[in-house]
Amino acid sequence: MNKIKEFISDMKKELNRIRWCKGKELIKNIIVTLIFIIFFAIFFVVIEYIISLIRLIDFKQIIESITDLF
């Protein structure tokens, strides 16, 4: 039982050492996080679109037309 009390006491001490964000700093961190989320969402949508366009290309026809030139 003493180990449990010691553990809880140590937990309270550690929680008091944590530096929690203040209002302006918290809002700044939220804005930065949202910007990164939006950026990466747009990035992955563009990459997915490019990959889907590449999959639509008929490479066999392109190779045949190139070989017909020679």
PDB file of N, CA and C in Angstrom:
ATOM      1  N   MET A   1       0.829  -1.196   0.000  1.00  0.00           N
ATOM      2  CA  MET A   1       0.000   0.000   0.000  1.00  0.00           C
ATOM      3  C   MET A   1       0.872   1.258   0.000  1.00  0.00           C
ATOM      4  N   ASN A   2       2.028   1.166   0.661  1.00  0.00           N
ATOM      5  CA  ASN A   2       2.932   2.322   0.691  1.00  0.00           C
ATOM      6  C   ASN A   2       3.446   2.657  -0.703  1.00  0.00           C
ATOM      7  N   LYS A   3       3.664   1.617  -1.519  1.00  0.00           N
ATOM      8  CA  LYS A   3       4.153   1.867  -2.887  1.00  0.00           C
ATOM      9  C   LYS A   3       3.112   2.627  -3.710  1.00  0.00           C
ATOM     10  N   ILE A   4       1.853   2.315  -3.508  1.00  0.00           N
ATOM     11  CA  ILE A   4       0.782   3.008  -4.228  1.00  0.00           C
ATOM     12  C   ILE A   4       0.719   4.468  -3.802  1.00  0.00           C
ATOM     13  N   LYS A   5       0.800   4.724  -2.483  1.00  0.00           N
ATOM     14  CA  LYS A   5       0.786   6.109  -1.985  1.00  0.00           C
ATOM     15  C   LYS A   5       2.000   6.877  -2.495  1.00  0.00           C
ATOM     16  N   GLU A   6       3.152   6.233  -2.528  1.00  0.00           N
ATOM     17  CA  GLU A   6       4.370   6.882  -3.016  1.00  0.00           C
ATOM     18  C   GLU A   6       4.241   7.195  -4.511  1.00  0.00           C
ATOM     19  N   PHE A   7       3.672   6.256  -5.250  1.00  0.00           N
ATOM     20  CA  PHE A   7       3.465   6.458  -6.681  1.00  0.00           C
ATOM     21  C   PHE A   7       2.549   7.656  -6.935  1.00  0.00           C
ATOM     22  N   ILE A   8       1.442   7.731  -6.207  1.00  0.00           N
ATOM     23  CA  ILE A   8       0.497   8.836  -6.373  1.00  0.00           C
ATOM     24  C   ILE A   8       1.150  10.154  -5.980  1.00  0.00           C
ATOM     25  N   SER A   9       1.929  10.142  -4.925  1.00  0.00           N
ATOM     26  CA  SER A   9       2.637  11.349  -4.481  1.00  0.00           C
ATOM     27  C   SER A   9       3.624  11.806  -5.556  1.00  0.00           C
ATOM     28  N   ASP A  10       4.362  10.874  -6.123  1.00  0.00           N
ATOM     29  CA  ASP A  10       5.311  11.220  -7.185  1.00  0.00           C
ATOM     30  C   ASP A  10       4.592  11.743  -8.436  1.00  0.00           C
ATOM     31  N   MET A  11       3.437  11.165  -8.733  1.00  0.00           N
ATOM     32  CA  MET A  11       2.655  11.638  -9.875  1.00  0.00           C
ATOM     33  C   MET A  11       2.221  13.089  -9.677  1.00  0.00           C
ATOM     34  N   LYS A  12       1.764  13.427  -8.477  1.00  0.00           N
ATOM     35  CA  LYS A  12       1.347  14.804  -8.197  1.00  0.00           C
ATOM     36  C   LYS A  12       2.518  15.764  -8.340  1.00  0.00           C
ATOM     37  N   LYS A  13       3.694  15.359  -7.884  1.00  0.00           N
ATOM     38  CA  LYS A  13       4.886  16.198  -8.007  1.00  0.00           C
ATOM     39  C   LYS A  13       5.230  16.426  -9.480  1.00  0.00           C
ATOM     40  N   GLU A  14       5.154  15.374 -10.280  1.00  0.00           N
ATOM     41  CA  GLU A  14       5.466  15.498 -11.709  1.00  0.00           C
ATOM     42  C   GLU A  14       4.445  16.379 -12.431  1.00  0.00           C
ATOM     43  N   LEU A  15       3.174  16.256 -12.059  1.00  0.00           N
ATOM     44  CA  LEU A  15       2.148  17.093 -12.681  1.00  0.00           C
ATOM     45  C   LEU A  15       2.343  18.567 -12.349  1.00  0.00           C
ATOM     46  N   ASN A  16       2.859  18.855 -11.176  1.00  0.00           N
ATOM     47  CA  ASN A  16       3.129  20.249 -10.806  1.00  0.00           C
ATOM     48  C   ASN A  16       4.312  20.823 -11.569  1.00  0.00           C
ATOM     49  N   ARG A  17       5.192  19.980 -12.097  1.00  0.00           N
ATOM     50  CA  ARG A  17       6.362  20.442 -12.847  1.00  0.00           C
ATOM     51  C   ARG A  17       6.028  20.771 -14.303  1.00  0.00           C
ATOM     52  N   ILE A  18       4.887  20.305 -14.767  1.00  0.00           N
ATOM     53  CA  ILE A  18       4.513  20.533 -16.165  1.00  0.00           C
ATOM     54  C   ILE A  18       4.190  22.003 -16.378  1.00  0.00           C
ATOM     55  N   ARG A  19       4.720  22.570 -17.485  1.00  0.00           N
ATOM     56  CA  ARG A  19       4.417  23.953 -17.836  1.00  0.00           C
ATOM     57  C   ARG A  19       3.281  23.923 -18.851  1.00  0.00           C
ATOM     58  N   TRP A  20       2.091  24.306 -18.420  1.00  0.00           N
ATOM     59  CA  TRP A  20       0.916  24.293 -19.285  1.00  0.00           C
ATOM     60  C   TRP A  20       0.893  25.558 -20.121  1.00  0.00           C
ATOM     61  N   CYS A  21       0.367  25.474 -21.330  1.00  0.00           N
ATOM     62  CA  CYS A  21       0.293  26.625 -22.236  1.00  0.00           C
ATOM     63  C   CYS A  21      -0.714  27.652 -21.716  1.00  0.00           C
ATOM     64  N   LYS A  22      -0.373  28.909 -21.937  1.00  0.00           N
ATOM     65  CA  LYS A  22      -1.303  29.995 -21.619  1.00  0.00           C
ATOM     66  C   LYS A  22      -2.210  30.229 -22.824  1.00  0.00           C
ATOM     67  N   GLY A  23      -3.164  31.119 -22.693  1.00  0.00           N
ATOM     68  CA  GLY A  23      -4.183  31.343 -23.714  1.00  0.00           C
ATOM     69  C   GLY A  23      -3.642  31.688 -25.081  1.00  0.00           C
ATOM     70  N   LYS A  24      -2.799  32.733 -25.196  1.00  0.00           N
ATOM     71  CA  LYS A  24      -2.288  33.159 -26.499  1.00  0.00           C
ATOM     72  C   LYS A  24      -1.393  32.092 -27.115  1.00  0.00           C
ATOM     73  N   GLU A  25      -0.579  31.467 -26.298  1.00  0.00           N
ATOM     74  CA  GLU A  25       0.313  30.427 -26.796  1.00  0.00           C
ATOM     75  C   GLU A  25      -0.486  29.214 -27.281  1.00  0.00           C
ATOM     76  N   LEU A  26      -1.549  28.888 -26.580  1.00  0.00           N
ATOM     77  CA  LEU A  26      -2.400  27.767 -26.972  1.00  0.00           C
ATOM     78  C   LEU A  26      -3.074  28.042 -28.311  1.00  0.00           C
ATOM     79  N   ILE A  27      -3.589  29.255 -28.497  1.00  0.00           N
ATOM     80  CA  ILE A  27      -4.244  29.619 -29.759  1.00  0.00           C
ATOM     81  C   ILE A  27      -3.233  29.590 -30.904  1.00  0.00           C
ATOM     82  N   LYS A  28      -2.012  30.080 -30.654  1.00  0.00           N
ATOM     83  CA  LYS A  28      -0.966  30.051 -31.667  1.00  0.00           C
ATOM     84  C   LYS A  28      -0.637  28.621 -32.072  1.00  0.00           C
ATOM     85  N   ASN A  29      -0.533  27.723 -31.092  1.00  0.00           N
ATOM     86  CA  ASN A  29      -0.242  26.319 -31.386  1.00  0.00           C
ATOM     87  C   ASN A  29      -1.388  25.656 -32.156  1.00  0.00           C
ATOM     88  N   ILE A  30      -2.622  26.010 -31.825  1.00  0.00           N
ATOM     89  CA  ILE A  30      -3.776  25.464 -32.541  1.00  0.00           C
ATOM     90  C   ILE A  30      -3.766  25.922 -33.996  1.00  0.00           C
ATOM     91  N   ILE A  31      -3.469  27.199 -34.225  1.00  0.00           N
ATOM     92  CA  ILE A  31      -3.443  27.739 -35.590  1.00  0.00           C
ATOM     93  C   ILE A  31      -2.348  27.066 -36.408  1.00  0.00           C
ATOM     94  N   VAL A  32      -1.163  26.905 -35.834  1.00  0.00           N
ATOM     95  CA  VAL A  32      -0.057  26.252 -36.538  1.00  0.00           C
ATOM     96  C   VAL A  32      -0.433  24.803 -36.872  1.00  0.00           C
ATOM     97  N   THR A  33      -1.049  24.121 -35.928  1.00  0.00           N
ATOM     98  CA  THR A  33      -1.465  22.734 -36.153  1.00  0.00           C
ATOM     99  C   THR A  33      -2.497  22.653 -37.278  1.00  0.00           C
ATOM    100  N   LEU A  34      -3.472  23.539 -37.276  1.00  0.00           N
ATOM    101  CA  LEU A  34      -4.490  23.534 -38.333  1.00  0.00           C
ATOM    102  C   LEU A  34      -3.886  23.840 -39.701  1.00  0.00           C
ATOM    103  N   ILE A  35      -2.924  24.761 -39.746  1.00  0.00           N
ATOM    104  CA  ILE A  35      -2.255  25.090 -41.009  1.00  0.00           C
ATOM    105  C   ILE A  35      -1.529  23.863 -41.546  1.00  0.00           C
ATOM    106  N   PHE A  36      -0.808  23.150 -40.669  1.00  0.00           N
ATOM    107  CA  PHE A  36      -0.115  21.945 -41.104  1.00  0.00           C
ATOM    108  C   PHE A  36      -1.091  20.878 -41.580  1.00  0.00           C
ATOM    109  N   ILE A  37      -2.192  20.706 -40.889  1.00  0.00           N
ATOM    110  CA  ILE A  37      -3.190  19.704 -41.285  1.00  0.00           C
ATOM    111  C   ILE A  37      -3.762  20.054 -42.657  1.00  0.00           C
ATOM    112  N   ILE A  38      -4.106  21.322 -42.871  1.00  0.00           N
ATOM    113  CA  ILE A  38      -4.662  21.752 -44.156  1.00  0.00           C
ATOM    114  C   ILE A  38      -3.622  21.592 -45.260  1.00  0.00           C
ATOM    115  N   PHE A  39      -2.378  21.982 -44.978  1.00  0.00           N
ATOM    116  CA  PHE A  39      -1.310  21.856 -45.971  1.00  0.00           C
ATOM    117  C   PHE A  39      -1.131  20.402 -46.395  1.00  0.00           C
ATOM    118  N   PHE A  40      -1.018  19.504 -45.424  1.00  0.00           N
ATOM    119  CA  PHE A  40      -0.788  18.104 -45.766  1.00  0.00           C
ATOM    120  C   PHE A  40      -2.022  17.467 -46.411  1.00  0.00           C
ATOM    121  N   ALA A  41      -3.207  17.902 -46.053  1.00  0.00           N
ATOM    122  CA  ALA A  41      -4.413  17.392 -46.706  1.00  0.00           C
ATOM    123  C   ALA A  41      -4.401  17.785 -48.185  1.00  0.00           C
ATOM    124  N   ILE A  42      -4.100  19.042 -48.470  1.00  0.00           N
ATOM    125  CA  ILE A  42      -4.018  19.501 -49.866  1.00  0.00           C
ATOM    126  C   ILE A  42      -2.895  18.775 -50.595  1.00  0.00           C
ATOM    127  N   PHE A  43      -1.750  18.619 -49.931  1.00  0.00           N
ATOM    128  CA  PHE A  43      -0.604  17.936 -50.525  1.00  0.00           C
ATOM    129  C   PHE A  43      -0.977  16.512 -50.943  1.00  0.00           C
ATOM    130  N   PHE A  44      -1.607  15.762 -50.050  1.00  0.00           N
ATOM    131  CA  PHE A  44      -1.944  14.376 -50.362  1.00  0.00           C
ATOM    132  C   PHE A  44      -3.045  14.283 -51.413  1.00  0.00           C
ATOM    133  N   VAL A  45      -3.966  15.225 -51.442  1.00  0.00           N
ATOM    134  CA  VAL A  45      -4.993  15.231 -52.490  1.00  0.00           C
ATOM    135  C   VAL A  45      -4.341  15.484 -53.847  1.00  0.00           C
ATOM    136  N   VAL A  46      -3.413  16.419 -53.912  1.00  0.00           N
ATOM    137  CA  VAL A  46      -2.722  16.706 -55.177  1.00  0.00           C
ATOM    138  C   VAL A  46      -1.907  15.491 -55.620  1.00  0.00           C
ATOM    139  N   ILE A  47      -1.186  14.866 -54.708  1.00  0.00           N
ATOM    140  CA  ILE A  47      -0.403  13.684 -55.051  1.00  0.00           C
ATOM    141  C   ILE A  47      -1.314  12.564 -55.556  1.00  0.00           C
ATOM    142  N   GLU A  48      -2.434  12.353 -54.890  1.00  0.00           N
ATOM    143  CA  GLU A  48      -3.389  11.324 -55.316  1.00  0.00           C
ATOM    144  C   GLU A  48      -3.939  11.644 -56.709  1.00  0.00           C
ATOM    145  N   TYR A  49      -4.208  12.909 -56.979  1.00  0.00           N
ATOM    146  CA  TYR A  49      -4.704  13.327 -58.288  1.00  0.00           C
ATOM    147  C   TYR A  49      -3.647  13.068 -59.362  1.00  0.00           C
ATOM    148  N   ILE A  50      -2.404  13.400 -59.077  1.00  0.00           N
ATOM    149  CA  ILE A  50      -1.317  13.171 -60.034  1.00  0.00           C
ATOM    150  C   ILE A  50      -1.160  11.679 -60.309  1.00  0.00           C
ATOM    151  N   ILE A  51      -1.214  10.875 -59.271  1.00  0.00           N
ATOM    152  CA  ILE A  51      -1.093   9.427 -59.453  1.00  0.00           C
ATOM    153  C   ILE A  51      -2.251   8.889 -60.282  1.00  0.00           C
ATOM    154  N   SER A  52      -3.450   9.387 -60.045  1.00  0.00           N
ATOM    155  CA  SER A  52      -4.593   8.914 -60.837  1.00  0.00           C
ATOM    156  C   SER A  52      -4.457   9.343 -62.298  1.00  0.00           C
ATOM    157  N   LEU A  53      -3.899  10.523 -62.555  1.00  0.00           N
ATOM    158  CA  LEU A  53      -3.671  10.943 -63.942  1.00  0.00           C
ATOM    159  C   LEU A  53      -2.631  10.067 -64.617  1.00  0.00           C
ATOM    160  N   ILE A  54      -1.589   9.714 -63.898  1.00  0.00           N
ATOM    161  CA  ILE A  54      -0.549   8.849 -64.457  1.00  0.00           C
ATOM    162  C   ILE A  54      -1.123   7.472 -64.791  1.00  0.00           C
ATOM    163  N   ARG A  55      -2.020   6.987 -63.949  1.00  0.00           N
ATOM    164  CA  ARG A  55      -2.616   5.677 -64.204  1.00  0.00           C
ATOM    165  C   ARG A  55      -3.513   5.695 -65.447  1.00  0.00           C
ATOM    166  N   LEU A  56      -4.030   6.860 -65.821  1.00  0.00           N
ATOM    167  CA  LEU A  56      -4.893   6.962 -66.994  1.00  0.00           C
ATOM    168  C   LEU A  56      -4.111   6.950 -68.302  1.00  0.00           C
ATOM    169  N   ILE A  57      -2.819   7.248 -68.217  1.00  0.00           N
ATOM    170  CA  ILE A  57      -2.001   7.310 -69.427  1.00  0.00           C
ATOM    171  C   ILE A  57      -1.824   5.896 -69.980  1.00  0.00           C
ATOM    172  N   ASP A  58      -2.025   5.765 -71.278  1.00  0.00           N
ATOM    173  CA  ASP A  58      -1.841   4.478 -71.945  1.00  0.00           C
ATOM    174  C   ASP A  58      -0.413   4.421 -72.486  1.00  0.00           C
ATOM    175  N   PHE A  59       0.477   3.854 -71.686  1.00  0.00           N
ATOM    176  CA  PHE A  59       1.884   3.823 -72.052  1.00  0.00           C
ATOM    177  C   PHE A  59       2.156   2.906 -73.243  1.00  0.00           C
ATOM    178  N   LYS A  60       1.357   1.873 -73.414  1.00  0.00           N
ATOM    179  CA  LYS A  60       1.557   0.973 -74.556  1.00  0.00           C
ATOM    180  C   LYS A  60       1.376   1.728 -75.868  1.00  0.00           C
ATOM    181  N   GLN A  61       0.359   2.563 -75.932  1.00  0.00           N
ATOM    182  CA  GLN A  61       0.104   3.326 -77.145  1.00  0.00           C
ATOM    183  C   GLN A  61       1.236   4.323 -77.387  1.00  0.00           C
ATOM    184  N   ILE A  62       1.743   4.934 -76.361  1.00  0.00           N
ATOM    185  CA  ILE A  62       2.849   5.895 -76.501  1.00  0.00           C
ATOM    186  C   ILE A  62       4.091   5.188 -77.012  1.00  0.00           C
ATOM    187  N   ILE A  63       4.388   4.010 -76.460  1.00  0.00           N
ATOM    188  CA  ILE A  63       5.570   3.255 -76.885  1.00  0.00           C
ATOM    189  C   ILE A  63       5.420   2.801 -78.329  1.00  0.00           C
ATOM    190  N   GLU A  64       4.216   2.359 -78.694  1.00  0.00           N
ATOM    191  CA  GLU A  64       3.979   1.943 -80.078  1.00  0.00           C
ATOM    192  C   GLU A  64       4.148   3.115 -81.047  1.00  0.00           C
ATOM    193  N   SER A  65       3.671   4.278 -80.682  1.00  0.00           N
ATOM    194  CA  SER A  65       3.803   5.436 -81.576  1.00  0.00           C
ATOM    195  C   SER A  65       5.259   5.870 -81.689  1.00  0.00           C
ATOM    196  N   ILE A  66       6.023   5.714 -80.625  1.00  0.00           N
ATOM    197  CA  ILE A  66       7.450   6.062 -80.683  1.00  0.00           C
ATOM    198  C   ILE A  66       8.194   5.055 -81.552  1.00  0.00           C
ATOM    199  N   THR A  67       7.888   3.785 -81.381  1.00  0.00           N
ATOM    200  CA  THR A  67       8.577   2.758 -82.192  1.00  0.00           C
ATOM    201  C   THR A  67       8.186   2.856 -83.667  1.00  0.00           C
ATOM    202  N   ASP A  68       6.980   3.316 -83.942  1.00  0.00           N
ATOM    203  CA  ASP A  68       6.567   3.496 -85.344  1.00  0.00           C
ATOM    204  C   ASP A  68       7.361   4.604 -86.021  1.00  0.00           C
ATOM    205  N   LEU A  69       7.846   5.557 -85.248  1.00  0.00           N
ATOM    206  CA  LEU A  69       8.627   6.653 -85.821  1.00  0.00           C
ATOM    207  C   LEU A  69       9.987   6.157 -86.303  1.00  0.00           C
ATOM    208  N   PHE A  70      10.498   5.121 -85.678  1.00  0.00           N
ATOM    209  CA  PHE A  70      11.825   4.621 -86.051  1.00  0.00           C
ATOM    210  C   PHE A  70      11.659   3.442 -86.907  1.00  0.00           C
TER     211      PHE A  70
END
